């Protein structure tokens, strides 16, 4: 384990990679591709690599491989949770 001491500004720029399973939201690769498009448009739309930002979201089977800041991951998790509550 490591204790990392840094500034708030630097911490807000650190990127973390997480794989989000989304088989319950998108059961095919085509649906996952559409989900990626919707999420990158809805969640911090200016940070994704397609528009010159540092964050990346890629489909991996029926999952999403996301490299982003903690703030982006938090907001993405909130949107995914809200989508899962829809009828």
Protein backbone atom coordinates (compact mmCIF):
# COMPACT_ATOMS: atom_id res chain seq x y z
CA UNK A 1 0.00 0.00 0.00
CA UNK A 2 1.10 3.54 -0.71
CA UNK A 3 0.28 6.94 0.73
CA UNK A 4 0.28 9.55 -2.03
CA UNK A 5 0.49 13.17 -0.99
CA UNK A 6 -0.28 15.63 -3.75
CA UNK A 7 -2.11 18.85 -4.51
CA UNK A 8 -5.83 18.96 -5.29
CA UNK A 9 -5.05 20.28 -8.76
CA UNK A 10 -2.73 17.37 -9.54
CA UNK A 11 -5.12 14.79 -8.07
CA UNK A 12 -7.93 16.09 -10.29
CA UNK A 13 -5.79 15.33 -13.35
CA UNK A 14 -4.84 11.74 -12.47
CA UNK A 15 -6.38 9.13 -14.76
CA UNK A 16 -7.66 5.75 -13.57
CA UNK A 17 -8.74 2.79 -15.68
CA UNK A 18 -11.90 0.85 -14.82
CA UNK A 19 -13.88 -1.78 -16.71
CA UNK A 20 -17.63 -1.36 -16.31
CA UNK A 21 -19.79 -4.40 -17.11
CA UNK A 22 -22.83 -3.20 -19.05
CA UNK A 23 -24.34 -6.46 -20.32
CA UNK A 24 -27.58 -5.51 -18.50
CA UNK A 25 -27.73 -2.25 -20.51
CA UNK A 26 -26.34 -3.41 -23.84
CA UNK A 27 -26.36 -7.06 -24.85
CA UNK A 28 -24.55 -6.78 -28.19
CA UNK A 29 -21.43 -5.04 -29.45
CA UNK A 30 -23.60 -2.73 -31.56
CA UNK A 31 -25.60 -1.69 -28.49
CA UNK A 32 -22.38 -1.15 -26.52
CA UNK A 33 -21.10 1.12 -29.31
CA UNK A 34 -24.32 3.16 -29.11
CA UNK A 35 -24.01 3.30 -25.32
CA UNK A 36 -20.46 4.65 -25.64
CA UNK A 37 -21.72 7.39 -27.95
CA UNK A 38 -24.53 8.32 -25.58
CA UNK A 39 -22.31 8.32 -22.50
CA UNK A 40 -19.50 10.35 -24.04
CA UNK A 41 -22.10 12.91 -25.13
CA UNK A 42 -23.79 13.06 -21.73
CA UNK A 43 -20.93 12.75 -19.22
CA UNK A 44 -18.28 15.50 -19.34
CA UNK A 45 -18.51 15.64 -23.13
CA UNK A 46 -15.38 17.84 -23.44
CA UNK A 47 -12.93 15.40 -21.79
CA UNK A 48 -13.06 12.45 -24.23
CA UNK A 49 -10.27 11.70 -26.67
CA UNK A 50 -12.58 12.13 -29.68
CA UNK A 51 -12.71 15.87 -28.92
CA UNK A 52 -9.07 16.21 -27.85
CA UNK A 53 -9.41 15.39 -24.16
CA UNK A 54 -7.34 12.97 -22.08
CA UNK A 55 -10.13 10.48 -21.20
CA UNK A 56 -10.91 7.31 -23.15
CA UNK A 57 -13.99 5.08 -23.31
CA UNK A 58 -13.83 1.93 -25.43
CA UNK A 59 -16.16 -1.05 -25.78
CA UNK A 60 -14.67 -4.35 -24.63
CA UNK A 61 -17.13 -7.13 -25.44
CA UNK A 62 -20.18 -6.24 -23.35
CA UNK A 63 -18.21 -3.91 -21.11
CA UNK A 64 -16.72 -0.44 -21.16
CA UNK A 65 -13.02 0.22 -20.63
CA UNK A 66 -12.78 3.75 -19.26
CA UNK A 67 -9.66 5.74 -18.49
CA UNK A 68 -10.65 8.99 -16.80
CA UNK A 69 -10.36 11.18 -13.72
CA UNK A 70 -12.14 10.29 -10.48
CA UNK A 71 -14.75 13.00 -11.12
CA UNK A 72 -15.59 11.55 -14.52
CA UNK A 73 -15.77 8.00 -13.12
CA UNK A 74 -18.10 9.21 -10.34
CA UNK A 75 -20.45 10.95 -12.78
CA UNK A 76 -20.33 7.99 -15.17
CA UNK A 77 -21.28 5.63 -12.35
CA UNK A 78 -24.21 7.91 -11.46
CA UNK A 79 -25.49 7.88 -15.05
CA UNK A 80 -25.11 4.09 -15.34
CA UNK A 81 -27.00 3.65 -12.04
CA UNK A 82 -29.80 5.91 -13.29
CA UNK A 83 -30.02 3.96 -16.56
CA UNK A 84 -30.30 0.72 -14.60
CA UNK A 85 -33.30 2.13 -12.70
CA UNK A 86 -35.25 2.92 -15.87
CA UNK A 87 -38.10 0.51 -16.65
